Amino acid sequence: MHMEEQTECVSLPPQGPPGPPKCELVCIFGTGDLGRSLGQRLLQAGYTVVFGSRRPHSCGPLPQGAQVKVHAAAAQSAKLVFIAVHREHYDFLESLRAQLKGKVLVDISNNQKKDQYPEANAEYLQRLVPGASVVKGFNTLSSWSLLNGPLEGKQVLVCGDSAEAKQGVVELATRLGLSSLDRGCLSSARELEDIPLQLFPQWRLPLRLAVGLTASFFFYLLIRDVIYTYATQGKDVSFRIVVSLANKVFPIVSLIMLSLCYLPGVLAGILQLYRGTKYRKFPDWLDRWMLCRKQLGLLALGFACLHVIYTLIIPIRYSVRHTLISRVVNEMKNNNKSTPFDFDNTEAWATDSFYMLGVLGFSLYILLGLTSLPSVGATLSWREFTFVQSKLGHLTLLLCTAHAYLYGWDKFLRSSTYKWWTPPGYMLCLVLPTVVLVLKLLLISPCVERSLSRIRQGWERGQSEGAAWGPAGGPGKSIHL
């Protein structure tokens, strides 16, 4: 048991704008796309840039204002040198040991695949030029992002054995508008070089879920809609696989993925209520789940877009036009006169409500997707972002769930709905969103929401009200068991 005392605010002297970097002249070895993009950014930040090239008079167009010299002359003029060449071309650096002695070499190279070489590129560079201080960094930035994209919010990972050399690289990155993270000694360079080779690391779990759900429901509906019809009626309706079957799978997967996007937040709230504190770490599986909610939501939006597109093309399909014409002709033959079909007012209400809920749900879907973009989300305050992603997100889930319920309407009462005693796909997909909405409704009920809000503001079960909030409602002393 330990006691946490209330801390006092200490006024700090105002900090002025950061001073100019220690190294105003920067050298870049390499005149490829990455070297030119980096040089352009450095020039815009007020640095003087000199390129080192084997052929300074025929190295192609360079950023306006940059100089170009042979490697030896360029290296002598600067204290910090970016190595923007491939590892297989590092051999020429051995002949420049005298010129590079005491310099800071920033290795920004990457490989084509993991474990391509027995040692990291930065470690190999340090072995070639032992008199220099090698820092690994800037390798996670692409030439496109350096040249075109905004750098605010992007992070540079650095590692090296010299703290002073790393500090110089960090100051340069700060002046470019980048944040920096020190990853330790140069032995961590292998880890940094593997980062650009990762393929959608945060998308792996959502993609696996999406593929698994799509395949499962596709084969389930294939058995119900195609194989069942062929086995019981002898009809070949395999043409439905391309559009009709797919248009049933897409909305099912979309609704489940959207539910999976909001289920971890509900589970986290229940767990905090059960524990009576917010200071205990969530289980690892829940942490990983919550970190990929954005990807789950974007995949759900993608499946919803496919559903909308497929729905729009249904009226122009051959099978639909043929069925409609045949129905009209048969009706004319049976009645032998032109009489309108019977109009069902209840069915009309259900159909219009079904489409209305679908349109509203999809519109909010689009809004959620737009606000998840960094360029849009950065313009919103935290309260605005939370309102859209949480409150409007749950409203989107509610509308889409109601849309699915209206699709089923009274079909669940018909025995013909249960082919081979199996429920239709839309019934299965309604289970999870219904559970999420019911649990969320319980969490926002007045008594539960009041307790959960207090826990998230620092209150813990088992401590007195005064200890939690102090005599005037402000934070006071709190005891952690």
Protein backbone atom coordinates (compact mmCIF):
# COMPACT_ATOMS: atom_id res chain seq x y z
CA MET A 1 0.00 0.00 0.00
CA HIS A 2 1.31 3.42 -0.86
CA MET A 3 -0.05 6.91 -0.64
CA GLU A 4 -0.03 9.39 -3.49
CA GLU A 5 0.21 13.00 -2.28
CA GLN A 6 -1.33 15.87 -4.17
CA THR A 7 1.38 17.67 -6.12
CA GLU A 8 1.75 21.44 -6.28
CA CYS A 9 2.03 23.32 -9.54
CA VAL A 10 5.45 24.84 -10.09
CA SER A 11 5.82 27.75 -12.49
CA LEU A 12 8.49 27.20 -15.09
CA PRO A 13 10.31 30.01 -16.86
CA PRO A 14 8.93 30.62 -20.34
CA GLN A 15 10.86 28.85 -23.03
CA GLY A 16 11.69 30.75 -26.16
CA PRO A 17 11.74 29.34 -29.66
CA PRO A 18 14.37 26.66 -30.29
CA GLY A 19 17.72 28.03 -31.32
CA PRO A 20 19.36 27.32 -34.62
CA PRO A 21 20.72 23.81 -35.07
CA LYS A 22 24.36 23.18 -34.33
CA CYS A 23 25.03 22.16 -37.92
CA GLU A 24 23.74 24.59 -40.54
CA LEU A 25 25.57 22.88 -43.41
CA VAL A 26 24.41 19.36 -44.18
CA CYS A 27 25.92 16.92 -46.65
CA ILE A 28 24.00 14.20 -48.47
CA PHE A 29 25.71 11.30 -50.20
CA GLY A 30 23.35 10.14 -52.92
CA THR A 31 21.32 12.02 -55.53
CA GLY A 32 18.45 9.55 -55.88
CA ASP A 33 14.81 10.21 -55.07
CA LEU A 34 15.25 9.95 -51.30
CA GLY A 35 18.38 12.13 -51.26
CA ARG A 36 16.79 14.85 -53.40
CA SER A 37 13.56 14.85 -51.33
CA LEU A 38 15.52 15.11 -48.08
CA GLY A 39 17.65 17.89 -49.54
CA GLN A 40 14.55 19.83 -50.57
CA ARG A 41 13.16 19.61 -47.02
CA LEU A 42 16.44 20.68 -45.48
CA LEU A 43 16.64 23.69 -47.79
CA GLN A 44 13.10 24.70 -46.85
CA ALA A 45 14.08 24.49 -43.16
CA GLY A 46 16.97 26.93 -43.70
CA TYR A 47 19.90 24.55 -44.02
CA THR A 48 22.64 24.78 -46.60
CA VAL A 49 22.80 21.49 -48.50
CA VAL A 50 25.71 20.05 -50.42
CA PHE A 51 25.38 16.77 -52.31
CA GLY A 52 28.22 14.32 -52.72
CA SER A 53 28.24 12.48 -56.05
CA ARG A 54 30.60 10.35 -58.15
CA ARG A 55 29.59 12.43 -61.18
CA PRO A 56 28.82 15.94 -59.91
CA HIS A 57 28.36 17.32 -63.43
CA SER A 58 25.89 14.64 -64.62
CA CYS A 59 23.90 13.61 -61.56
CA GLY A 60 20.53 14.89 -62.73
CA PRO A 61 18.37 17.78 -61.48
CA LEU A 62 18.84 18.74 -57.84
CA PRO A 63 16.80 21.04 -55.56
CA GLN A 64 17.31 24.70 -56.33
CA GLY A 65 19.91 26.22 -54.02
CA ALA A 66 21.80 22.99 -53.35
CA GLN A 67 25.46 22.49 -54.20
CA VAL A 68 27.03 19.35 -55.61
CA LYS A 69 30.65 18.23 -55.23
CA VAL A 70 32.66 15.05 -55.33
CA HIS A 71 32.35 12.92 -52.18
CA ALA A 72 35.64 13.97 -50.61
CA ALA A 73 35.03 17.70 -51.01
CA ALA A 74 31.41 17.44 -49.85
CA ALA A 75 32.39 15.44 -46.76
CA GLN A 76 35.04 17.97 -45.69
CA SER A 77 32.54 20.86 -45.73
CA ALA A 78 29.96 19.44 -43.30
CA LYS A 79 29.86 17.85 -39.86
CA LEU A 80 26.70 15.85 -40.52
CA VAL A 81 26.42 13.55 -43.54
CA PHE A 82 23.34 11.66 -44.66
CA ILE A 83 24.16 8.35 -46.37
CA ALA A 84 21.37 7.97 -48.96
CA VAL A 85 22.90 5.19 -51.04
CA HIS A 86 22.28 1.45 -51.09
CA ARG A 87 24.39 -0.78 -48.88
CA GLU A 88 26.01 -2.54 -51.84
CA HIS A 89 27.59 0.82 -52.79
CA TYR A 90 29.12 1.54 -49.35
CA ASP A 91 32.59 0.37 -50.41
CA PHE A 92 33.64 3.83 -51.60
CA LEU A 93 33.32 5.11 -48.03
CA GLU A 94 36.47 3.24 -46.98
CA SER A 95 38.54 5.59 -49.12
CA LEU A 96 36.95 8.56 -47.31
CA ARG A 97 37.87 7.54 -43.76
CA ALA A 98 40.14 10.55 -43.33
CA GLN A 99 37.49 13.03 -44.53
CA LEU A 100 34.71 11.37 -42.46
CA LYS A 101 36.67 11.08 -39.22
CA GLY A 102 34.79 12.81 -36.40
CA LYS A 103 31.68 13.32 -38.57
CA VAL A 104 28.12 12.23 -37.81
CA LEU A 105 26.91 9.76 -40.44
CA VAL A 106 23.14 9.27 -40.61
CA ASP A 107 22.35 5.97 -42.28
CA ILE A 108 18.90 6.20 -43.92
CA SER A 109 19.16 3.06 -46.03
CA ASN A 110 16.74 0.12 -46.11
CA ASN A 111 16.90 -3.39 -47.53
CA GLN A 112 14.63 -5.27 -49.92
CA LYS A 113 13.85 -8.06 -47.42
CA LYS A 114 14.52 -9.05 -43.82
CA ASP A 115 17.82 -10.73 -42.94
CA GLN A 116 19.23 -9.83 -46.34
CA TYR A 117 22.64 -9.28 -44.76
CA PRO A 118 24.27 -10.82 -41.67
CA GLU A 119 24.48 -7.45 -39.91
CA ALA A 120 22.51 -4.21 -39.97
CA ASN A 121 23.45 -1.62 -42.58
CA ALA A 122 24.30 0.93 -39.89
CA GLU A 123 26.60 -1.52 -38.09
CA TYR A 124 28.31 -2.34 -41.37
CA LEU A 125 28.74 1.38 -42.02
CA GLN A 126 30.26 1.89 -38.57
CA ARG A 127 32.73 -0.92 -39.27
CA LEU A 128 33.72 0.68 -42.60
CA VAL A 129 34.24 4.12 -41.05
CA PRO A 130 35.27 3.50 -37.42
CA GLY A 131 36.34 7.10 -36.87
CA ALA A 132 32.81 8.47 -37.48
CA SER A 133 29.71 8.37 -35.27
CA VAL A 134 26.97 6.46 -37.07
CA VAL A 135 23.32 7.13 -36.28
CA LYS A 136 20.47 5.13 -37.77
CA GLY A 137 17.45 7.29 -38.55
CA PHE A 138 15.07 8.77 -41.12
CA ASN A 139 14.77 5.35 -42.80
CA THR A 140 11.05 5.10 -41.97
CA LEU A 141 10.24 8.16 -44.12
CA SER A 142 9.58 7.77 -47.83
CA SER A 143 10.76 10.15 -50.51
CA TRP A 144 7.13 10.97 -51.33
CA SER A 145 6.26 11.95 -47.74
CA LEU A 146 9.39 14.08 -47.52
CA LEU A 147 8.64 15.89 -50.75
CA ASN A 148 4.84 16.22 -50.68
CA GLY A 149 3.25 15.18 -47.42
CA PRO A 150 3.09 17.21 -44.19
CA LEU A 151 5.72 16.09 -41.68
CA GLU A 152 3.83 17.25 -38.58
CA GLY A 153 2.90 14.25 -36.47
CA LYS A 154 5.45 11.94 -38.11
CA GLN A 155 8.09 10.35 -35.97
CA VAL A 156 11.77 9.63 -36.58
CA LEU A 157 13.33 6.67 -34.80
CA VAL A 158 17.05 7.02 -34.08
CA CYS A 159 19.68 4.78 -32.54
CA GLY A 160 23.44 5.08 -32.13
CA ASP A 161 26.28 4.66 -29.70
CA SER A 162 27.06 8.39 -29.40
CA ALA A 163 24.57 10.43 -27.38
CA GLU A 164 25.95 13.69 -28.77
CA ALA A 165 25.56 12.50 -32.36
CA LYS A 166 22.00 11.39 -31.72
CA GLN A 167 21.19 14.74 -30.13
CA GLY A 168 22.36 16.54 -33.27
CA VAL A 169 20.12 14.35 -35.44
CA VAL A 170 17.17 14.89 -33.08
CA GLU A 171 17.62 18.67 -33.27
CA LEU A 172 17.66 18.51 -37.05
CA ALA A 173 14.50 16.39 -37.09
CA THR A 174 12.79 18.84 -34.73
CA ARG A 175 13.57 21.74 -37.02
CA LEU A 176 11.99 19.79 -39.90
CA GLY A 177 8.79 19.44 -37.85
CA LEU A 178 9.34 15.81 -36.89
CA SER A 179 9.18 14.19 -33.47
CA SER A 180 11.95 11.80 -32.44
CA LEU A 181 12.26 8.66 -30.38
CA ASP A 182 15.59 7.32 -29.17
CA ARG A 183 15.74 3.54 -29.58
CA GLY A 184 19.07 3.05 -27.85
CA CYS A 185 22.40 1.80 -29.12
CA LEU A 186 23.40 1.03 -32.67
CA SER A 187 22.63 -2.64 -32.05
CA SER A 188 18.95 -1.67 -32.44
CA ALA A 189 19.53 -0.68 -36.06
CA ARG A 190 18.35 -4.08 -37.31
CA GLU A 191 14.99 -3.52 -35.66
CA LEU A 192 14.66 -0.05 -37.22
CA GLU A 193 15.59 -1.37 -40.66
CA ASP A 194 12.87 -4.04 -40.42
CA ILE A 195 10.11 -1.50 -39.74
CA PRO A 196 9.67 -0.32 -43.39
CA LEU A 197 9.53 -3.97 -44.48
CA GLN A 198 6.43 -4.67 -42.39
CA LEU A 199 3.26 -5.11 -44.44
CA PHE A 200 0.25 -3.47 -42.77
CA PRO A 201 1.09 -4.63 -39.20
CA GLN A 202 -1.99 -2.96 -37.68
CA TRP A 203 -4.25 -4.37 -40.38
CA ARG A 204 -3.35 -8.03 -39.94
CA LEU A 205 -5.93 -8.92 -37.29
CA PRO A 206 -8.79 -6.93 -38.94
CA LEU A 207 -7.95 -8.41 -42.35
CA ARG A 208 -7.90 -11.94 -40.96
CA LEU A 209 -11.27 -11.34 -39.33
CA ALA A 210 -12.69 -9.90 -42.53
CA VAL A 211 -11.40 -12.78 -44.66
CA GLY A 212 -12.58 -15.37 -42.14
CA LEU A 213 -16.07 -13.87 -41.83
CA THR A 214 -16.40 -13.45 -45.60
CA ALA A 215 -15.37 -17.03 -46.33
CA SER A 216 -17.55 -18.48 -43.55
CA PHE A 217 -20.72 -16.67 -44.56
CA PHE A 218 -20.04 -17.19 -48.27
CA PHE A 219 -19.93 -20.97 -47.90
CA TYR A 220 -22.83 -20.94 -45.44
CA LEU A 221 -25.05 -19.00 -47.85
CA LEU A 222 -23.76 -21.04 -50.79
CA ILE A 223 -25.14 -24.15 -49.12
CA ARG A 224 -28.46 -22.49 -48.24
CA ASP A 225 -29.15 -20.58 -51.45
CA VAL A 226 -27.49 -22.57 -54.23
CA ILE A 227 -26.82 -26.14 -53.15
CA TYR A 228 -30.15 -26.43 -51.30
CA THR A 229 -32.10 -25.25 -54.35
CA TYR A 230 -30.28 -27.71 -56.61
CA ALA A 231 -30.70 -30.59 -54.15
CA THR A 232 -34.41 -30.07 -53.43
CA GLN A 233 -35.73 -28.59 -56.70
CA GLY A 234 -33.13 -29.59 -59.28
CA LYS A 235 -32.63 -25.96 -60.35
CA ASP A 236 -29.24 -24.54 -61.25
CA VAL A 237 -29.09 -21.07 -59.71
CA SER A 238 -25.31 -20.86 -59.58
CA PHE A 239 -25.46 -17.49 -61.37
CA ARG A 240 -26.54 -16.00 -58.03
CA ILE A 241 -23.05 -16.51 -56.63
CA VAL A 242 -21.61 -13.49 -58.45
CA VAL A 243 -24.06 -10.80 -57.35
CA SER A 244 -26.94 -12.03 -55.18
CA LEU A 245 -24.84 -14.18 -52.87
CA ALA A 246 -22.08 -11.58 -52.63
CA ASN A 247 -24.63 -8.86 -51.85
CA LYS A 248 -25.79 -10.92 -48.89
CA VAL A 249 -22.29 -11.54 -47.59
CA PHE A 250 -21.09 -7.91 -47.80
CA PRO A 251 -23.70 -6.32 -45.48
CA ILE A 252 -23.41 -9.23 -43.02
CA VAL A 253 -19.64 -8.83 -42.72
CA SER A 254 -19.96 -5.04 -42.60
CA LEU A 255 -22.41 -5.11 -39.68
CA ILE A 256 -20.35 -7.65 -37.74
CA MET A 257 -17.12 -5.69 -38.31
CA LEU A 258 -18.82 -2.49 -37.15
CA SER A 259 -20.02 -4.31 -34.04
CA LEU A 260 -16.50 -5.59 -33.39
CA CYS A 261 -15.32 -1.97 -33.64
CA TYR A 262 -17.49 -0.91 -30.67
CA LEU A 263 -17.59 -4.11 -28.63
CA PRO A 264 -14.11 -3.63 -27.01
CA GLY A 265 -15.11 -0.21 -25.66
CA VAL A 266 -18.18 -1.75 -24.04
CA LEU A 267 -16.11 -4.61 -22.60
CA ALA A 268 -13.57 -2.12 -21.25
CA GLY A 269 -16.34 -0.20 -19.47
CA ILE A 270 -17.75 -3.39 -17.94
CA LEU A 271 -14.27 -4.43 -16.82
CA GLN A 272 -13.67 -1.07 -15.15
CA LEU A 273 -17.01 -1.33 -13.36
CA TYR A 274 -16.18 -4.84 -12.19
CA ARG A 275 -12.73 -3.85 -10.93
CA GLY A 276 -13.87 -0.53 -9.52
CA THR A 277 -10.79 1.28 -10.84
CA LYS A 278 -9.24 2.55 -14.05
CA TYR A 279 -5.67 2.04 -12.88
CA ARG A 280 -5.41 -1.65 -13.68
CA LYS A 281 -4.13 -2.62 -17.10
CA PHE A 282 -6.51 -4.23 -19.56
CA PRO A 283 -5.71 -7.76 -20.75
CA ASP A 284 -3.32 -7.89 -23.70
CA TRP A 285 -5.98 -9.27 -26.06
CA LEU A 286 -8.29 -6.36 -25.24
CA ASP A 287 -5.46 -3.84 -25.71
CA ARG A 288 -4.65 -5.26 -29.16
CA TRP A 289 -8.33 -5.29 -30.04
CA MET A 290 -8.81 -1.64 -29.06
CA LEU A 291 -5.74 -0.55 -31.01
CA CYS A 292 -7.16 -1.93 -34.28
CA ARG A 293 -10.65 -0.41 -33.98
CA LYS A 294 -9.92 2.14 -36.68
CA GLN A 295 -8.95 -0.58 -39.13
CA LEU A 296 -12.05 -2.61 -38.22
CA GLY A 297 -14.24 0.41 -38.89
CA LEU A 298 -12.63 1.22 -42.23
CA LEU A 299 -13.00 -2.37 -43.40
CA ALA A 300 -16.64 -2.29 -42.30
CA LEU A 301 -17.09 0.87 -44.37
CA GLY A 302 -15.48 -0.84 -47.37
CA PHE A 303 -17.91 -3.76 -47.19
CA ALA A 304 -20.81 -1.31 -46.81
CA CYS A 305 -19.70 0.52 -49.98
CA LEU A 306 -19.63 -2.78 -51.86
CA HIS A 307 -23.13 -3.54 -50.60
CA VAL A 308 -24.42 -0.17 -51.85
CA ILE A 309 -22.82 -0.61 -55.28
CA TYR A 310 -24.13 -4.15 -55.67
CA THR A 311 -27.60 -3.03 -54.61
CA LEU A 312 -27.61 -0.31 -57.28
CA ILE A 313 -26.82 -2.76 -60.08
CA ILE A 314 -29.46 -5.34 -59.07
CA PRO A 315 -32.32 -3.81 -61.16
CA ILE A 316 -30.27 -4.01 -64.38
CA ARG A 317 -29.35 -7.68 -63.99
CA TYR A 318 -30.71 -10.06 -66.63
CA SER A 319 -32.24 -12.46 -64.12
CA VAL A 320 -34.14 -9.68 -62.35
CA ARG A 321 -35.49 -8.18 -65.58
CA HIS A 322 -36.47 -11.63 -66.85
CA THR A 323 -38.29 -12.51 -63.62
CA LEU A 324 -40.15 -9.19 -63.56
CA ILE A 325 -41.29 -9.46 -67.18
CA SER A 326 -42.38 -13.07 -66.72
CA ARG A 327 -44.40 -12.12 -63.67
CA VAL A 328 -46.22 -9.35 -65.52
CA VAL A 329 -46.95 -11.59 -68.51
CA ASN A 330 -48.31 -14.37 -66.28
CA GLU A 331 -50.52 -11.92 -64.43
CA MET A 332 -51.94 -10.65 -67.70
CA LYS A 333 -52.64 -14.14 -68.94
CA ASN A 334 -54.36 -15.22 -65.74
CA ASN A 335 -56.61 -12.16 -65.57
CA ASN A 336 -57.00 -11.73 -69.33
CA LYS A 337 -57.14 -8.00 -68.77
CA SER A 338 -54.97 -5.20 -67.61
CA THR A 339 -55.48 -4.97 -63.85
CA PRO A 340 -53.05 -3.50 -61.36
CA PHE A 341 -51.47 -5.61 -58.64
CA ASP A 342 -52.86 -5.41 -55.14
CA PHE A 343 -51.16 -2.69 -53.12
CA ASP A 344 -49.98 -3.63 -49.60
CA ASN A 345 -49.67 -0.49 -47.49
CA THR A 346 -47.83 -2.30 -44.69
CA GLU A 347 -45.29 -3.72 -47.09
CA ALA A 348 -44.80 -0.26 -48.61
CA TRP A 349 -44.08 1.22 -45.17
CA ALA A 350 -41.65 -1.56 -44.35
CA THR A 351 -39.82 -1.21 -47.67
CA ASP A 352 -39.52 2.58 -47.48
CA SER A 353 -38.38 2.44 -43.87
CA PHE A 354 -35.84 -0.23 -44.80
CA TYR A 355 -34.31 1.97 -47.49
CA MET A 356 -34.47 5.09 -45.32
CA LEU A 357 -32.54 3.42 -42.49
CA GLY A 358 -30.01 2.10 -44.99
CA VAL A 359 -29.40 5.54 -46.50
CA LEU A 360 -29.06 7.25 -43.10
CA GLY A 361 -26.80 4.51 -41.76
CA PHE A 362 -24.54 4.63 -44.80
CA SER A 363 -24.33 8.44 -44.62
CA LEU A 364 -23.11 8.24 -41.02
CA TYR A 365 -20.77 5.44 -42.08
CA ILE A 366 -19.14 7.85 -44.54
CA LEU A 367 -18.89 10.53 -41.85
CA LEU A 368 -17.12 8.12 -39.49
CA GLY A 369 -14.69 7.15 -42.23
CA LEU A 370 -13.89 10.76 -43.11
CA THR A 371 -13.22 11.82 -39.52
CA SER A 372 -10.85 8.87 -39.07
CA LEU A 373 -8.51 10.42 -41.65
CA PRO A 374 -5.63 12.23 -39.90
CA SER A 375 -6.04 15.37 -42.00
CA VAL A 376 -9.72 15.64 -40.98
CA GLY A 377 -9.43 14.41 -37.40
CA ALA A 378 -6.65 16.91 -36.69
CA THR A 379 -9.10 19.78 -37.30
CA LEU A 380 -11.52 18.49 -34.63
CA SER A 381 -11.30 19.03 -30.90
CA TRP A 382 -11.19 15.98 -28.68
CA ARG A 383 -14.84 16.48 -27.73
CA GLU A 384 -15.90 16.78 -31.35
CA PHE A 385 -13.91 13.71 -32.37
CA THR A 386 -15.36 11.68 -29.48
CA PHE A 387 -18.88 12.83 -30.32
CA VAL A 388 -18.55 11.66 -33.93
CA GLN A 389 -16.68 8.42 -33.32
CA SER A 390 -18.57 7.35 -30.18
CA LYS A 391 -22.09 8.78 -30.13
CA LEU A 392 -22.63 8.97 -33.89
CA GLY A 393 -20.79 5.65 -34.23
CA HIS A 394 -23.26 3.88 -31.95
CA LEU A 395 -26.11 5.63 -33.76
CA THR A 396 -24.71 4.25 -37.02
CA LEU A 397 -24.67 0.77 -35.52
CA LEU A 398 -28.26 1.23 -34.33
CA LEU A 399 -29.49 2.38 -37.75
CA CYS A 400 -27.71 -0.42 -39.60
CA THR A 401 -29.03 -3.00 -37.14
CA ALA A 402 -32.58 -1.70 -37.56
CA HIS A 403 -32.00 -1.80 -41.33
CA ALA A 404 -31.18 -5.52 -41.04
CA TYR A 405 -34.18 -6.19 -38.80
CA LEU A 406 -36.51 -4.60 -41.33
CA TYR A 407 -34.92 -6.69 -44.06
CA GLY A 408 -36.01 -9.79 -42.18
CA TRP A 409 -39.41 -8.29 -41.26
CA ASP A 410 -41.68 -11.31 -40.67
CA LYS A 411 -39.59 -13.86 -42.55
CA PHE A 412 -38.51 -15.52 -39.31
CA LEU A 413 -42.12 -16.70 -38.84
CA ARG A 414 -42.10 -18.70 -42.07
CA SER A 415 -40.94 -22.29 -42.01
CA SER A 416 -39.52 -21.92 -45.53
CA THR A 417 -36.94 -19.49 -44.14
CA TYR A 418 -35.10 -22.27 -42.33
CA LYS A 419 -33.59 -24.30 -45.16
CA TRP A 420 -32.22 -27.58 -43.83
CA TRP A 421 -33.21 -26.24 -40.39
CA THR A 422 -30.59 -23.49 -40.61
CA PRO A 423 -31.34 -19.81 -39.93
CA PRO A 424 -30.67 -17.25 -42.68
CA GLY A 425 -27.44 -15.28 -42.63
CA TYR A 426 -29.02 -11.98 -41.58
CA MET A 427 -30.33 -13.61 -38.39
CA LEU A 428 -26.85 -14.77 -37.43
CA CYS A 429 -25.32 -11.36 -38.09
CA LEU A 430 -27.89 -9.62 -35.87
CA VAL A 431 -26.75 -11.43 -32.72
CA LEU A 432 -23.52 -9.48 -32.13
CA PRO A 433 -24.79 -5.93 -32.88
CA THR A 434 -27.85 -6.56 -30.74
CA VAL A 435 -25.65 -7.65 -27.82
CA VAL A 436 -23.40 -4.58 -28.26
CA LEU A 437 -26.37 -2.19 -28.33
CA VAL A 438 -28.01 -3.78 -25.29
CA LEU A 439 -24.76 -3.63 -23.29
CA LYS A 440 -24.20 -0.02 -24.37
CA LEU A 441 -27.74 0.85 -23.33
CA LEU A 442 -27.01 -0.58 -19.89
CA LEU A 443 -23.76 1.41 -19.63
CA ILE A 444 -25.47 4.71 -20.47
CA SER A 445 -28.29 4.16 -17.99
CA PRO A 446 -28.11 6.95 -15.35
CA CYS A 447 -26.96 4.88 -12.36
CA VAL A 448 -24.34 2.87 -14.27
CA GLU A 449 -23.05 5.86 -16.24
CA ARG A 450 -22.61 7.88 -13.04
CA SER A 451 -20.48 5.15 -11.47
CA LEU A 452 -18.44 4.61 -14.62
CA SER A 453 -17.79 8.35 -15.00
CA ARG A 454 -16.51 8.57 -11.43
CA ILE A 455 -14.17 5.63 -11.99
CA ARG A 456 -12.79 7.20 -15.17
CA GLN A 457 -12.21 10.44 -13.28
CA GLY A 458 -10.02 8.68 -10.71
CA TRP A 459 -12.42 7.33 -8.08
CA GLU A 460 -11.72 3.82 -6.81
CA ARG A 461 -13.98 1.38 -5.02
CA GLY A 462 -13.15 1.08 -1.34
CA GLN A 463 -11.94 4.65 -0.80
CA SER A 464 -13.91 7.41 0.86
CA GLU A 465 -15.57 10.13 -1.15
CA GLY A 466 -13.47 12.81 0.51
CA ALA A 467 -10.24 10.98 -0.20
CA ALA A 468 -11.18 10.68 -3.83
CA TRP A 469 -12.24 14.24 -4.46
CA GLY A 470 -10.93 16.39 -1.63
CA PRO A 471 -12.93 18.84 0.45
CA ALA A 472 -13.86 21.15 -2.44
CA GLY A 473 -14.50 18.65 -5.18
CA GLY A 474 -10.94 18.80 -6.53
CA PRO A 475 -8.52 15.91 -6.64
CA GLY A 476 -7.13 15.03 -3.25
CA LYS A 477 -5.11 12.21 -1.76
CA SER A 478 -5.86 8.74 -3.05
CA ILE A 479 -4.86 5.39 -1.65
CA HIS A 480 -3.96 2.54 -3.99
CA LEU A 481 -4.04 -0.99 -2.68
